[in-house]
Protein backbone atom coordinates (compact mmCIF):
# COMPACT_ATOMS: atom_id res chain seq x y z
CA UNK A 1 50.44 -12.09 54.21
CA UNK A 2 49.19 -15.42 53.09
CA UNK A 3 45.94 -14.28 53.56
CA UNK A 4 46.35 -11.10 51.82
CA UNK A 5 48.19 -12.60 48.38
CA UNK A 6 45.38 -15.28 48.40
CA UNK A 7 42.99 -12.80 48.37
CA UNK A 8 44.84 -11.05 45.23
CA UNK A 9 45.01 -14.02 43.62
CA UNK A 10 41.62 -15.15 44.06
CA UNK A 11 40.46 -11.56 42.08
CA UNK A 12 42.66 -11.70 39.68
CA UNK A 13 41.16 -15.22 38.81
CA UNK A 14 37.91 -12.87 39.04
CA UNK A 15 38.59 -10.54 36.42
CA UNK A 16 40.24 -12.74 34.53
CA UNK A 17 36.93 -15.12 34.40
CA UNK A 18 35.10 -12.53 33.93
CA UNK A 19 36.94 -10.56 31.15
CA UNK A 20 36.54 -14.24 29.61
CA UNK A 21 32.64 -14.39 29.75
CA UNK A 22 32.49 -11.01 28.07
CA UNK A 23 34.85 -11.98 25.39
CA UNK A 24 32.75 -14.94 25.08
CA UNK A 25 29.21 -12.89 24.82
CA UNK A 26 31.19 -10.48 22.40
CA UNK A 27 31.82 -13.33 19.94
CA UNK A 28 28.25 -15.09 20.14
CA UNK A 29 26.54 -11.82 20.27
CA UNK A 30 28.44 -10.44 16.96
CA UNK A 31 29.18 -13.76 14.58
CA UNK A 32 27.11 -15.94 15.33
CA UNK A 33 23.63 -14.69 16.67
CA UNK A 34 24.02 -11.44 14.26
CA UNK A 35 21.67 -9.56 17.44
CA UNK A 36 22.56 -6.14 16.01
CA UNK A 37 20.37 -7.46 13.11
CA UNK A 38 17.37 -6.17 14.61
CA UNK A 39 17.92 -4.19 18.10
CA UNK A 40 20.38 -2.15 16.94
CA UNK A 41 19.10 0.89 14.32
CA UNK A 42 20.91 1.68 11.00
CA UNK A 43 21.28 3.71 8.34
CA UNK A 44 22.21 4.16 4.93
CA UNK A 45 26.32 3.24 5.80
CA UNK A 46 25.39 0.66 8.52
CA UNK A 47 24.80 -0.17 12.21
CA UNK A 48 24.47 2.91 14.36
CA UNK A 49 26.82 1.85 17.03
CA UNK A 50 25.97 5.34 18.90
CA UNK A 51 22.52 3.70 20.12
CA UNK A 52 23.66 0.06 19.34
CA UNK A 53 21.19 -2.09 21.20
CA UNK A 54 18.51 0.80 21.44
CA UNK A 55 15.76 -0.83 19.25
CA UNK A 56 16.13 -1.91 15.63
CA UNK A 57 14.72 -0.21 12.68
CA UNK A 58 12.96 -2.48 10.67
CA UNK A 59 9.41 -3.50 11.42
CA UNK A 60 7.92 -7.46 11.23
CA UNK A 61 4.11 -7.44 10.57
CA UNK A 62 1.89 -10.21 10.33
CA UNK A 63 -1.48 -11.15 11.32
CA UNK A 64 -0.58 -11.74 14.57
CA UNK A 65 1.63 -8.82 15.27
CA UNK A 66 3.41 -5.39 14.14
CA UNK A 67 6.95 -5.42 15.58
CA UNK A 68 10.38 -4.08 15.43
CA UNK A 69 13.24 -5.16 17.49
CA UNK A 70 12.99 -3.81 20.97
CA UNK A 71 15.51 -2.08 23.40
CA UNK A 72 18.25 -4.50 24.67
CA UNK A 73 20.34 -2.18 26.21
CA UNK A 74 20.61 -2.28 30.18
CA UNK A 75 18.38 1.20 30.32
CA UNK A 76 16.00 0.88 32.99
CA UNK A 77 13.16 2.45 31.67
CA UNK A 78 13.20 1.39 27.84
CA UNK A 79 15.10 -1.41 27.96
CA UNK A 80 15.74 -4.69 29.95
CA UNK A 81 18.01 -3.47 32.78
CA UNK A 82 15.19 -4.14 34.88
CA UNK A 83 14.46 -7.78 33.98
CA UNK A 84 16.80 -9.97 36.42
CA UNK A 85 18.85 -12.84 34.55
CA UNK A 86 16.30 -15.19 34.59
CA UNK A 87 13.80 -13.03 32.67
CA UNK A 88 16.25 -12.11 30.29
CA UNK A 89 17.65 -15.70 29.54
CA UNK A 90 13.77 -17.02 29.35
CA UNK A 91 13.36 -14.19 26.48
CA UNK A 92 16.17 -15.42 24.69
CA UNK A 93 15.65 -18.94 24.57
CA UNK A 94 12.06 -19.59 24.96
CA UNK A 95 10.86 -16.20 23.48
CA UNK A 96 8.63 -15.23 26.55
CA UNK A 97 9.29 -11.52 28.35
CA UNK A 98 8.23 -10.50 31.97
CA UNK A 99 4.94 -9.26 29.69
CA UNK A 100 4.07 -12.39 27.81
CA UNK A 101 5.53 -14.48 24.59
CA UNK A 102 7.01 -12.45 22.13
CA UNK A 103 6.34 -12.49 18.65
CA UNK A 104 7.98 -15.13 16.84
CA UNK A 105 10.63 -13.32 14.93
CA UNK A 106 12.51 -13.49 17.65
CA UNK A 107 13.89 -16.21 16.77
CA UNK A 108 14.36 -18.23 20.46
CA UNK A 109 14.05 -21.35 18.93
CA UNK A 110 17.53 -21.06 17.11
CA UNK A 111 18.65 -19.88 20.65
CA UNK A 112 17.46 -23.20 23.17
CA UNK A 113 20.62 -24.53 22.15
CA UNK A 114 22.80 -22.35 23.93
CA UNK A 115 25.14 -23.63 26.77
CA UNK A 116 24.53 -22.89 29.85
CA UNK A 117 28.03 -20.93 29.99
CA UNK A 118 27.30 -19.76 26.83
CA UNK A 119 24.04 -17.97 28.20
CA UNK A 120 25.55 -16.63 30.88
CA UNK A 121 28.25 -15.23 29.01
CA UNK A 122 25.20 -13.71 26.38
CA UNK A 123 23.29 -12.04 29.30
CA UNK A 124 26.96 -10.66 30.76
CA UNK A 125 28.03 -9.05 27.59
CA UNK A 126 24.26 -7.25 27.34
CA UNK A 127 24.30 -6.11 30.98
CA UNK A 128 27.51 -4.32 30.31
CA UNK A 129 26.54 -2.26 27.46
CA UNK A 130 25.60 1.27 27.52
CA UNK A 131 21.85 2.10 28.37
CA UNK A 132 20.40 3.92 25.83
CA UNK A 133 16.80 5.35 25.98
CA UNK A 134 14.34 4.80 23.42
CA UNK A 135 10.77 5.95 22.51
CA UNK A 136 9.84 3.49 19.82
CA UNK A 137 6.40 2.95 19.19
CA UNK A 138 4.65 0.04 21.54
CA UNK A 139 4.91 -3.14 20.37
CA UNK A 140 1.90 -4.45 18.71
CA UNK A 141 1.03 -8.43 19.51
CA UNK A 142 -2.43 -10.13 19.19
CA UNK A 143 -4.00 -13.45 18.43
CA UNK A 144 -1.42 -16.93 18.75
CA UNK A 145 2.16 -16.22 19.27
CA UNK A 146 3.32 -19.67 18.85
CA UNK A 147 6.88 -20.61 19.37
CA UNK A 148 9.03 -22.06 15.72
CA UNK A 149 10.35 -25.64 16.19
CA UNK A 150 14.11 -25.74 16.12
CA UNK A 151 16.48 -27.44 14.20
CA UNK A 152 16.02 -31.17 15.27
CA UNK A 153 19.01 -31.83 17.50
CA UNK A 154 19.25 -28.80 18.74
CA UNK A 155 15.79 -28.17 20.88
CA UNK A 156 17.50 -28.13 23.85
CA UNK A 157 20.64 -27.00 25.74
CA UNK A 158 23.70 -28.39 24.47
CA UNK A 159 27.31 -28.97 26.63
CA UNK A 160 30.12 -27.97 26.67
CA UNK A 161 31.83 -31.30 26.32
CA UNK A 162 29.01 -32.35 23.76
CA UNK A 163 30.87 -29.33 21.60
CA UNK A 164 33.58 -31.37 21.07
CA UNK A 165 32.12 -33.24 18.62
CA UNK A 166 32.97 -31.07 15.69
CA UNK A 167 29.33 -32.30 13.87
CA UNK A 168 27.90 -31.26 17.17
CA UNK A 169 29.55 -28.06 17.46
CA UNK A 170 28.41 -27.56 13.22
CA UNK A 171 25.41 -28.37 14.52
CA UNK A 172 25.42 -25.70 17.57
CA UNK A 173 26.56 -23.10 14.87
CA UNK A 174 23.66 -23.57 12.61
CA UNK A 175 21.42 -23.31 14.99
CA UNK A 176 22.72 -20.08 17.01
CA UNK A 177 23.65 -18.32 13.61
CA UNK A 178 19.99 -18.71 12.52
CA UNK A 179 21.01 -21.10 9.00
CA UNK A 180 17.74 -23.07 8.90
CA UNK A 181 15.74 -20.68 10.05
CA UNK A 182 15.90 -19.05 6.66
CA UNK A 183 17.15 -21.22 4.18
CA UNK A 184 14.27 -24.29 5.39
CA UNK A 185 11.25 -24.44 3.53
CA UNK A 186 8.29 -23.28 4.95
CA UNK A 187 4.80 -24.93 6.04
CA UNK A 188 1.77 -22.63 7.12
CA UNK A 189 4.11 -19.61 6.89
CA UNK A 190 6.61 -20.78 9.53
CA UNK A 191 9.90 -22.56 8.33
CA UNK A 192 9.82 -26.03 8.84
CA UNK A 193 13.38 -27.53 9.88
CA UNK A 194 12.10 -30.95 10.84
CA UNK A 195 10.28 -31.67 7.18
CA UNK A 196 12.01 -29.17 4.79
CA UNK A 197 15.74 -28.51 6.27
CA UNK A 198 17.65 -26.93 4.42
CA UNK A 199 15.75 -26.60 1.49
CA UNK A 200 15.40 -23.33 0.76
CA UNK A 201 12.42 -21.38 -0.73
CA UNK A 202 11.57 -18.56 1.84
CA UNK A 203 11.25 -15.04 0.48
CA UNK A 204 12.56 -12.28 1.93
CA UNK A 205 11.42 -8.39 0.54
CA UNK A 206 14.06 -5.79 1.02
CA UNK A 207 14.75 -2.56 0.04
CA UNK A 208 16.78 -3.92 -2.99
CA UNK A 209 14.25 -6.06 -4.34
CA UNK A 210 12.92 -9.93 -3.38
CA UNK A 211 15.09 -12.47 -2.99
CA UNK A 212 14.58 -16.08 -2.15
CA UNK A 213 16.21 -17.94 0.04
CA UNK A 214 18.72 -21.00 -1.82
CA UNK A 215 19.13 -24.42 -1.02
CA UNK A 216 21.42 -25.38 1.41
CA UNK A 217 21.09 -28.93 1.54
CA UNK A 218 24.06 -31.53 0.10
CA UNK A 219 22.03 -32.04 -3.08
CA UNK A 220 24.68 -32.38 -5.56
CA UNK A 221 22.63 -30.04 -8.12
CA UNK A 222 19.59 -28.23 -5.95
CA UNK A 223 21.54 -27.48 -2.98
CA UNK A 224 25.16 -27.26 -1.77
CA UNK A 225 26.46 -31.12 -2.34
CA UNK A 226 28.91 -29.78 -5.63
CA UNK A 227 30.39 -26.79 -3.78
CA UNK A 228 33.93 -26.82 -2.19
CA UNK A 229 34.88 -26.35 1.61
CA UNK A 230 36.30 -23.39 0.15
CA UNK A 231 33.58 -21.84 -1.90
CA UNK A 232 30.62 -22.78 0.45
CA UNK A 233 33.16 -20.81 3.45
CA UNK A 234 33.54 -17.69 0.44
CA UNK A 235 29.65 -17.55 0.74
CA UNK A 236 29.52 -17.68 4.72
CA UNK A 237 31.81 -15.23 5.59
CA UNK A 238 32.05 -13.15 2.31
CA UNK A 239 28.35 -13.21 1.01
CA UNK A 240 29.91 -14.38 -2.38
CA UNK A 241 28.36 -16.96 -4.86
CA UNK A 242 30.54 -19.90 -6.52
CA UNK A 243 30.84 -17.39 -9.26
CA UNK A 244 32.27 -14.50 -6.92
CA UNK A 245 29.21 -12.63 -7.59
CA UNK A 246 27.43 -11.13 -4.12
CA UNK A 247 25.19 -12.78 -2.34
CA UNK A 248 21.32 -11.41 -2.18
CA UNK A 249 21.34 -8.49 0.70
CA UNK A 250 20.25 -10.41 3.60
CA UNK A 251 23.05 -12.81 3.37
CA UNK A 252 26.11 -10.39 2.14
CA UNK A 253 24.78 -8.03 5.03
CA UNK A 254 24.95 -10.38 7.62
CA UNK A 255 28.03 -12.31 6.39
CA UNK A 256 30.15 -8.94 6.22
CA UNK A 257 28.55 -7.36 9.60
CA UNK A 258 28.59 -11.04 11.10
CA UNK A 259 29.60 -14.47 10.26
CA UNK A 260 32.97 -12.68 8.49
CA UNK A 261 34.10 -12.44 12.19
CA UNK A 262 33.66 -16.32 13.10
CA UNK A 263 36.21 -18.53 14.42
CA UNK A 264 37.95 -21.24 11.87
CA UNK A 265 37.21 -24.14 14.04
CA UNK A 266 33.30 -22.89 14.18
CA UNK A 267 33.20 -22.11 10.20
CA UNK A 268 34.94 -25.50 9.47
CA UNK A 269 32.13 -27.06 11.48
CA UNK A 270 29.45 -25.89 10.15
CA UNK A 271 30.50 -27.04 6.62
CA UNK A 272 31.21 -30.46 7.63
CA UNK A 273 27.78 -30.32 9.25
CA UNK A 274 25.90 -29.01 6.13
CA UNK A 275 27.16 -31.86 4.18
CA UNK A 276 25.06 -34.30 6.37
CA UNK A 277 22.18 -32.71 6.11
CA UNK A 278 19.50 -34.59 3.80
CA UNK A 279 19.57 -33.30 0.17
CA UNK A 280 16.19 -32.31 -1.00
CA UNK A 281 15.30 -30.52 -4.06
């Protein structure tokens, strides 16, 4: 009887752990990493969740590649179903699939900071989704596909203990949410978070027109140094500027679909970390 009771509690603990892991994975994928943005097809009404993770609609083209967000559902033929957990993790944090290096539009440099527990949670969540078969055209990759640079301090996995520090937590959120992938200035056509962290200037071309990523350093006039915490919070989770008007589509869309789901602790930590970025014009 005691043995059965012990087994029962072990099973309950295992179920609780699995549920907790899936919940954490969902939060990371949906609120911070915004995986749907590239890997789920969309229409004018937003994401098509009936085909979630079956591959994105947008095509990214460069001299070395022409790709779209691939099928990351657990489909055995067109998705990542046959991949091992190690292979899926390598794609997420190293940008390497079983077939070779991924195009750098896969922001693996932003995910290198994932703690081991959080990386396990992301994989568990993706494994639990419905497999969707897709017939997207093959990816075209050629030339040198070099990985991009991570935010200083987020080049390797952070630890759960380290995230108890609010500034480390803010750095972690900024990395996973790819804030500096969009808002850092570019050198040789790639974001340069080492020398131009948060400086802005990158041009995004959308159906609504071209927009320029803004300066989010602590500079008092060129950046967001003079913004209040509440103004920064609204920009992040509501996609509105200081004047209350909507920000450009790329940021506004991410805010509405993803960053609005951020936990209060993560928002506060992110804002605190942004305050520490060196001012740049």
